[in-house]
């Protein structure tokens, strides 16, 4: 899960998701959207952490997680 706090962070996350060769999904409450869809991301509730789910193998997951962690490090 990640906490997205600004429009810039949404944009950075979408840019990261778009370069992935696999699907990236973001969930908040019971709503799920593509992490590659900028407008869809704004339909989520960012007052609390959102869940990120990816559809890929372990190597791609580790690379994506490392990049996302760098993006959202405080």
N, C-alpha and C. Protein backbone atom coordinates (compact mmCIF):
# COMPACT_ATOMS: atom_id res chain seq x y z
N UNK A 1 0.84 -1.19 0.00
CA UNK A 1 0.00 0.00 0.00
C UNK A 1 0.88 1.24 0.00
N UNK A 2 0.33 2.32 -0.54
CA UNK A 2 1.05 3.59 -0.60
C UNK A 2 0.11 4.72 -0.19
N UNK A 3 0.67 5.80 0.28
CA UNK A 3 -0.09 6.98 0.60
C UNK A 3 0.26 8.05 -0.42
N UNK A 4 -0.72 8.45 -1.21
CA UNK A 4 -0.52 9.48 -2.22
C UNK A 4 -1.07 10.78 -1.66
N UNK A 5 -0.21 11.81 -1.62
CA UNK A 5 -0.58 13.04 -0.93
C UNK A 5 -0.77 14.25 -1.83
N UNK A 6 -0.49 14.14 -3.12
CA UNK A 6 -0.59 15.32 -3.98
C UNK A 6 -0.83 14.92 -5.43
N UNK A 7 -1.22 15.91 -6.22
CA UNK A 7 -1.41 15.70 -7.65
C UNK A 7 -0.09 15.29 -8.30
N UNK A 8 1.00 15.88 -7.84
CA UNK A 8 2.32 15.52 -8.38
C UNK A 8 2.64 14.05 -8.13
N UNK A 9 2.26 13.54 -6.97
CA UNK A 9 2.50 12.13 -6.66
C UNK A 9 1.62 11.23 -7.52
N UNK A 10 0.37 11.64 -7.78
CA UNK A 10 -0.49 10.86 -8.68
C UNK A 10 0.16 10.81 -10.05
N UNK A 11 0.61 11.96 -10.54
CA UNK A 11 1.24 12.02 -11.86
C UNK A 11 2.50 11.14 -11.91
N UNK A 12 3.32 11.20 -10.89
CA UNK A 12 4.54 10.40 -10.86
C UNK A 12 4.21 8.91 -10.83
N UNK A 13 3.19 8.53 -10.07
CA UNK A 13 2.80 7.12 -10.00
C UNK A 13 2.29 6.65 -11.36
N UNK A 14 1.43 7.43 -12.00
CA UNK A 14 0.89 7.06 -13.31
C UNK A 14 2.02 6.92 -14.32
N UNK A 15 2.98 7.83 -14.30
CA UNK A 15 4.11 7.74 -15.22
C UNK A 15 4.90 6.46 -14.99
N UNK A 16 5.11 6.10 -13.72
CA UNK A 16 5.80 4.85 -13.41
C UNK A 16 4.99 3.65 -13.89
N UNK A 17 3.70 3.67 -13.63
CA UNK A 17 2.84 2.55 -14.04
C UNK A 17 2.81 2.39 -15.55
N UNK A 18 2.79 3.51 -16.27
CA UNK A 18 2.66 3.46 -17.73
C UNK A 18 3.86 2.80 -18.42
N UNK A 19 5.01 2.86 -17.82
CA UNK A 19 6.19 2.27 -18.48
C UNK A 19 6.36 0.79 -18.15
N UNK A 20 5.45 0.25 -17.33
CA UNK A 20 5.55 -1.16 -16.97
C UNK A 20 4.92 -2.01 -18.07
N UNK A 21 5.52 -3.17 -18.36
CA UNK A 21 4.97 -4.06 -19.40
C UNK A 21 3.85 -4.96 -18.86
N UNK A 22 3.31 -4.63 -17.70
CA UNK A 22 2.26 -5.43 -17.07
C UNK A 22 1.20 -4.49 -16.50
N UNK A 23 0.08 -5.06 -16.09
CA UNK A 23 -1.01 -4.27 -15.54
C UNK A 23 -0.71 -3.84 -14.11
N UNK A 24 -1.10 -2.62 -13.79
CA UNK A 24 -0.97 -2.07 -12.44
C UNK A 24 -2.36 -1.60 -12.03
N UNK A 25 -2.85 -2.07 -10.90
CA UNK A 25 -4.17 -1.69 -10.41
C UNK A 25 -4.02 -1.00 -9.06
N UNK A 26 -4.87 -0.02 -8.81
CA UNK A 26 -4.87 0.70 -7.55
C UNK A 26 -6.29 0.60 -6.98
N UNK A 27 -6.37 0.26 -5.69
CA UNK A 27 -7.66 0.06 -5.05
C UNK A 27 -7.80 0.95 -3.82
N UNK A 28 -8.99 1.51 -3.67
CA UNK A 28 -9.35 2.30 -2.50
C UNK A 28 -10.78 1.93 -2.17
N UNK A 29 -11.04 1.57 -0.93
CA UNK A 29 -12.36 1.06 -0.55
C UNK A 29 -12.66 -0.12 -1.45
N UNK A 30 -13.72 -0.05 -2.20
CA UNK A 30 -14.09 -1.17 -3.09
C UNK A 30 -13.92 -0.80 -4.55
N UNK A 31 -13.27 0.31 -4.83
CA UNK A 31 -13.08 0.78 -6.20
C UNK A 31 -11.67 0.40 -6.65
N UNK A 32 -11.59 -0.13 -7.87
CA UNK A 32 -10.30 -0.48 -8.47
C UNK A 32 -10.18 0.22 -9.81
N UNK A 33 -9.03 0.84 -10.05
CA UNK A 33 -8.76 1.50 -11.33
C UNK A 33 -7.39 1.09 -11.83
N UNK A 34 -7.16 1.33 -13.10
CA UNK A 34 -5.84 1.10 -13.67
C UNK A 34 -4.90 2.19 -13.18
N UNK A 35 -3.73 1.79 -12.72
CA UNK A 35 -2.72 2.75 -12.28
C UNK A 35 -2.14 3.53 -13.45
N UNK A 36 -2.50 3.15 -14.67
CA UNK A 36 -2.02 3.83 -15.86
C UNK A 36 -3.02 4.89 -16.33
N UNK A 37 -4.13 5.03 -15.62
CA UNK A 37 -5.20 5.94 -16.01
C UNK A 37 -5.23 7.14 -15.06
N UNK A 38 -4.70 8.27 -15.54
CA UNK A 38 -4.59 9.47 -14.71
C UNK A 38 -5.95 9.91 -14.17
N UNK A 39 -6.95 10.01 -15.03
CA UNK A 39 -8.28 10.45 -14.59
C UNK A 39 -8.92 9.43 -13.64
N UNK A 40 -8.74 8.16 -13.94
CA UNK A 40 -9.30 7.13 -13.07
C UNK A 40 -8.72 7.19 -11.67
N UNK A 41 -7.45 7.53 -11.58
CA UNK A 41 -6.80 7.62 -10.26
C UNK A 41 -7.49 8.65 -9.38
N UNK A 42 -8.03 9.70 -9.98
CA UNK A 42 -8.67 10.74 -9.19
C UNK A 42 -10.06 10.35 -8.69
N UNK A 43 -10.54 9.18 -9.07
CA UNK A 43 -11.82 8.70 -8.54
C UNK A 43 -11.62 7.98 -7.22
N UNK A 44 -10.38 7.82 -6.80
CA UNK A 44 -10.08 7.11 -5.55
C UNK A 44 -10.02 8.07 -4.37
N UNK A 45 -10.18 7.50 -3.18
CA UNK A 45 -10.09 8.27 -1.94
C UNK A 45 -8.64 8.23 -1.46
N UNK A 46 -7.97 9.37 -1.49
CA UNK A 46 -6.56 9.43 -1.10
C UNK A 46 -6.38 9.92 0.34
N UNK A 47 -7.44 9.91 1.14
CA UNK A 47 -7.31 10.29 2.54
C UNK A 47 -6.67 9.18 3.37
N UNK A 48 -6.55 8.03 2.78
CA UNK A 48 -5.91 6.90 3.45
C UNK A 48 -5.05 6.16 2.41
N UNK A 49 -4.17 5.28 2.85
CA UNK A 49 -3.35 4.56 1.87
C UNK A 49 -4.20 3.75 0.90
N UNK A 50 -3.72 3.62 -0.31
CA UNK A 50 -4.38 2.81 -1.33
C UNK A 50 -3.55 1.54 -1.55
N UNK A 51 -4.21 0.51 -2.01
CA UNK A 51 -3.55 -0.76 -2.28
C UNK A 51 -3.14 -0.82 -3.74
N UNK A 52 -1.93 -1.27 -4.00
CA UNK A 52 -1.44 -1.42 -5.37
C UNK A 52 -1.29 -2.90 -5.66
N UNK A 53 -1.83 -3.33 -6.79
CA UNK A 53 -1.73 -4.73 -7.19
C UNK A 53 -1.18 -4.77 -8.61
N UNK A 54 -0.23 -5.65 -8.83
CA UNK A 54 0.37 -5.78 -10.16
C UNK A 54 0.22 -7.21 -10.65
N UNK A 55 0.16 -7.35 -11.95
CA UNK A 55 0.01 -8.65 -12.58
C UNK A 55 1.30 -8.95 -13.34
N UNK A 56 2.28 -9.51 -12.60
CA UNK A 56 3.59 -9.75 -13.22
C UNK A 56 4.34 -10.83 -12.46
N UNK A 57 5.52 -11.17 -12.96
CA UNK A 57 6.35 -12.16 -12.29
C UNK A 57 7.13 -11.50 -11.14
N UNK A 58 7.82 -12.30 -10.38
CA UNK A 58 8.52 -11.83 -9.18
C UNK A 58 9.61 -10.81 -9.50
N UNK A 59 10.37 -11.01 -10.56
CA UNK A 59 11.44 -10.07 -10.92
C UNK A 59 10.88 -8.69 -11.25
N UNK A 60 9.84 -8.66 -12.09
CA UNK A 60 9.22 -7.38 -12.42
C UNK A 60 8.60 -6.73 -11.20
N UNK A 61 8.01 -7.53 -10.33
CA UNK A 61 7.42 -6.99 -9.10
C UNK A 61 8.50 -6.32 -8.24
N UNK A 62 9.62 -6.97 -8.08
CA UNK A 62 10.70 -6.40 -7.25
C UNK A 62 11.20 -5.08 -7.83
N UNK A 63 11.36 -5.01 -9.14
CA UNK A 63 11.80 -3.76 -9.77
C UNK A 63 10.76 -2.66 -9.60
N UNK A 64 9.49 -3.00 -9.83
CA UNK A 64 8.42 -2.01 -9.68
C UNK A 64 8.33 -1.53 -8.23
N UNK A 65 8.40 -2.44 -7.31
CA UNK A 65 8.32 -2.07 -5.88
C UNK A 65 9.47 -1.15 -5.48
N UNK A 66 10.67 -1.44 -5.97
CA UNK A 66 11.83 -0.61 -5.67
C UNK A 66 11.63 0.81 -6.21
N UNK A 67 11.15 0.94 -7.45
CA UNK A 67 10.91 2.26 -8.03
C UNK A 67 9.80 2.99 -7.27
N UNK A 68 8.72 2.30 -6.95
CA UNK A 68 7.62 2.92 -6.23
C UNK A 68 8.05 3.36 -4.83
N UNK A 69 8.87 2.55 -4.19
CA UNK A 69 9.37 2.89 -2.85
C UNK A 69 10.21 4.16 -2.91
N UNK A 70 11.03 4.28 -3.93
CA UNK A 70 11.84 5.49 -4.11
C UNK A 70 10.96 6.71 -4.32
N UNK A 71 9.89 6.53 -5.08
CA UNK A 71 8.96 7.62 -5.37
C UNK A 71 8.26 8.13 -4.12
N UNK A 72 7.89 7.23 -3.24
CA UNK A 72 7.07 7.59 -2.09
C UNK A 72 7.82 7.59 -0.77
N UNK A 73 9.16 7.60 -0.83
CA UNK A 73 9.95 7.72 0.39
C UNK A 73 9.77 9.13 0.95
N UNK A 74 9.56 9.22 2.22
CA UNK A 74 9.32 10.54 2.85
C UNK A 74 10.59 11.35 2.98
